[in-house]
């Protein structure tokens, strides 16, 4: 028996088993996210897909900051730990700039789809939206993200300037 996703995980996600044969050499499991499906369905561009990945990674960095206790952030001196904290603060700033630009609903759609990869029906329940249109609203939010992301990344880095 090989290690793989649990039945519960497979029920909630689109998962492809490893495949090694004359047509494919894929030794690991592949999880197809909602974002992957939007790209495959040509609902978003490759550039928008890449920006959405960067957005998800920025959330991961920002969540690391949330795990730090307030007394642990040092102000004086300089170290790689300080640089990591500044990178986390920059990530939070970037996310706030994006949310200000795209609005609360779009930001919550992106969080639910890109960061948590919730099912469309779950996103609709969470946001109290029509399950038939929540996917379209998410695509519009990703388009808005692409425009806002460029502005957020062009912004001079106030926290990192020393």
Protein backbone atom coordinates (compact mmCIF):
# COMPACT_ATOMS: atom_id res chain seq x y z
CA UNK A 1 0.00 0.00 0.00
CA UNK A 2 1.36 3.43 -0.95
CA UNK A 3 0.97 6.59 1.08
CA UNK A 4 -1.64 8.84 -0.42
CA UNK A 5 -4.47 11.20 0.38
CA UNK A 6 -7.12 10.05 2.80
CA UNK A 7 -10.57 9.18 1.46
CA UNK A 8 -11.91 12.36 3.12
CA UNK A 9 -9.28 14.49 1.34
CA UNK A 10 -10.05 12.81 -1.99
CA UNK A 11 -13.76 13.43 -1.48
CA UNK A 12 -13.13 17.16 -1.05
CA UNK A 13 -10.42 17.65 -3.70
CA UNK A 14 -9.72 16.74 -7.29
CA UNK A 15 -6.75 14.39 -6.89
CA UNK A 16 -4.88 12.42 -9.55
CA UNK A 17 -3.03 9.27 -8.56
CA UNK A 18 0.59 8.67 -9.53
CA UNK A 19 0.96 7.32 -13.04
CA UNK A 20 3.95 5.57 -14.51
CA UNK A 21 3.38 4.01 -17.91
CA UNK A 22 4.28 4.53 -21.58
CA UNK A 23 2.35 7.86 -21.65
CA UNK A 24 3.30 9.45 -18.30
CA UNK A 25 5.95 9.39 -15.60
CA UNK A 26 4.36 11.02 -12.56
CA UNK A 27 5.53 9.47 -9.30
CA UNK A 28 3.52 11.68 -6.95
CA UNK A 29 -0.08 12.60 -6.30
CA UNK A 30 -1.39 15.79 -7.95
CA UNK A 31 -4.03 17.95 -6.33
CA UNK A 32 -5.98 20.04 -8.82
CA UNK A 33 -7.03 23.27 -7.15
CA UNK A 34 -9.93 25.52 -8.12
CA UNK A 35 -7.31 27.91 -9.47
CA UNK A 36 -5.79 25.18 -11.66
CA UNK A 37 -9.25 24.43 -13.06
CA UNK A 38 -9.90 28.10 -13.87
CA UNK A 39 -6.68 28.14 -15.90
CA UNK A 40 -7.50 24.83 -17.61
CA UNK A 41 -10.96 26.19 -18.52
CA UNK A 42 -9.34 29.36 -19.97
CA UNK A 43 -11.27 31.52 -17.50
CA UNK A 44 -8.02 33.24 -16.47
CA UNK A 45 -4.75 33.88 -18.29
CA UNK A 46 -1.39 32.31 -17.46
CA UNK A 47 -0.28 35.73 -16.13
CA UNK A 48 -3.31 35.98 -13.85
CA UNK A 49 -2.64 32.42 -12.69
CA UNK A 50 0.94 33.36 -11.76
CA UNK A 51 -0.23 36.45 -9.87
CA UNK A 52 -2.80 34.33 -8.01
CA UNK A 53 0.00 31.94 -6.98
CA UNK A 54 2.08 34.90 -5.75
CA UNK A 55 -0.96 36.16 -3.82
CA UNK A 56 -1.37 32.76 -2.16
CA UNK A 57 2.34 32.70 -1.27
CA UNK A 58 2.08 36.21 0.18
CA UNK A 59 -0.75 35.00 2.41
CA UNK A 60 1.49 32.15 3.60
CA UNK A 61 4.21 34.64 4.54
CA UNK A 62 1.70 36.93 6.27
CA UNK A 63 0.30 34.02 8.29
CA UNK A 64 3.78 33.40 9.68
CA UNK A 65 3.62 36.90 11.17
CA UNK A 66 0.33 36.08 12.87
CA UNK A 67 2.07 33.20 14.64
CA UNK A 68 4.67 35.53 16.17
CA UNK A 69 3.89 36.86 19.61
CA UNK A 70 4.05 40.69 19.82
CA UNK A 71 6.92 40.61 22.35
CA UNK A 72 9.04 38.59 19.94
CA UNK A 73 9.38 41.38 17.36
CA UNK A 74 12.63 43.25 17.99
CA UNK A 75 13.25 46.78 16.84
CA UNK A 76 16.93 47.48 17.51
CA UNK A 77 19.75 45.76 15.69
CA UNK A 78 19.75 43.82 12.48
CA UNK A 79 19.69 40.12 11.80
CA UNK A 80 18.22 37.63 9.40
CA UNK A 81 15.34 37.21 11.88
CA UNK A 82 14.67 40.95 11.57
CA UNK A 83 14.74 40.64 7.79
CA UNK A 84 12.24 37.79 7.93
CA UNK A 85 9.92 39.83 10.15
CA UNK A 86 10.19 42.78 7.78
CA UNK A 87 9.34 40.48 4.85
CA UNK A 88 6.25 39.35 6.76
CA UNK A 89 5.24 42.92 7.49
CA UNK A 90 5.75 43.77 3.81
CA UNK A 91 3.48 40.85 2.90
CA UNK A 92 0.72 42.13 5.19
CA UNK A 93 1.10 45.62 3.72
CA UNK A 94 0.85 44.25 0.19
CA UNK A 95 -2.31 42.31 1.06
CA UNK A 96 -3.88 45.43 2.56
CA UNK A 97 -3.05 47.50 -0.53
CA UNK A 98 -4.66 44.84 -2.72
CA UNK A 99 -7.79 44.61 -0.55
CA UNK A 100 -8.15 48.40 -0.57
CA UNK A 101 -7.94 48.33 -4.37
CA UNK A 102 -10.28 45.40 -5.08
CA UNK A 103 -12.72 45.63 -2.18
CA UNK A 104 -13.75 43.36 0.64
CA UNK A 105 -15.94 40.96 -1.35
CA UNK A 106 -13.25 40.29 -3.97
CA UNK A 107 -10.63 39.84 -1.23
CA UNK A 108 -12.83 37.31 0.59
CA UNK A 109 -13.44 35.44 -2.69
CA UNK A 110 -9.69 35.26 -3.29
CA UNK A 111 -9.03 34.09 0.25
CA UNK A 112 -11.66 31.35 -0.01
CA UNK A 113 -10.61 30.16 -3.48
CA UNK A 114 -6.86 30.80 -3.75
CA UNK A 115 -5.72 30.39 -0.17
CA UNK A 116 -8.19 27.85 1.27
CA UNK A 117 -9.26 26.19 -2.02
CA UNK A 118 -12.83 25.79 -0.80
CA UNK A 119 -15.43 24.13 -3.01
CA UNK A 120 -17.59 26.54 -5.01
CA UNK A 121 -20.67 25.59 -2.97
CA UNK A 122 -18.78 26.23 0.28
CA UNK A 123 -17.61 29.63 -0.97
CA UNK A 124 -21.20 30.50 -1.90
CA UNK A 125 -22.43 29.52 1.58
CA UNK A 126 -19.58 31.40 3.29
CA UNK A 127 -20.28 34.60 1.36
CA UNK A 128 -24.05 34.11 1.08
CA UNK A 129 -23.89 34.26 -2.70
CA UNK A 130 -25.57 32.25 -5.42
CA UNK A 131 -23.65 28.98 -5.98
CA UNK A 132 -24.28 29.34 -9.74
CA UNK A 133 -22.42 32.67 -9.97
CA UNK A 134 -19.72 32.48 -7.30
CA UNK A 135 -17.23 31.04 -9.81
CA UNK A 136 -17.85 34.00 -12.16
CA UNK A 137 -17.42 36.44 -9.27
CA UNK A 138 -14.15 34.74 -8.36
CA UNK A 139 -12.88 35.08 -11.94
CA UNK A 140 -13.69 38.80 -11.82
CA UNK A 141 -11.87 39.04 -8.49
CA UNK A 142 -8.79 37.40 -10.03
CA UNK A 143 -8.89 39.89 -12.92
CA UNK A 144 -9.05 42.73 -10.36
CA UNK A 145 -6.22 41.12 -8.39
CA UNK A 146 -4.00 41.15 -11.50
CA UNK A 147 -4.50 44.90 -11.88
CA UNK A 148 -4.06 45.65 -8.17
CA UNK A 149 -1.07 43.34 -7.74
CA UNK A 150 0.99 45.32 -10.20
CA UNK A 151 0.33 48.50 -8.22
CA UNK A 152 1.04 46.80 -4.87
CA UNK A 153 4.38 45.42 -6.04
CA UNK A 154 5.46 48.69 -7.67
CA UNK A 155 4.91 50.56 -4.41
CA UNK A 156 8.21 51.62 -2.78
CA UNK A 157 9.01 49.32 0.09
CA UNK A 158 8.72 51.64 3.10
CA UNK A 159 9.41 48.96 5.71
CA UNK A 160 12.43 47.45 3.98
CA UNK A 161 14.18 50.78 3.27
CA UNK A 162 17.05 51.17 5.69
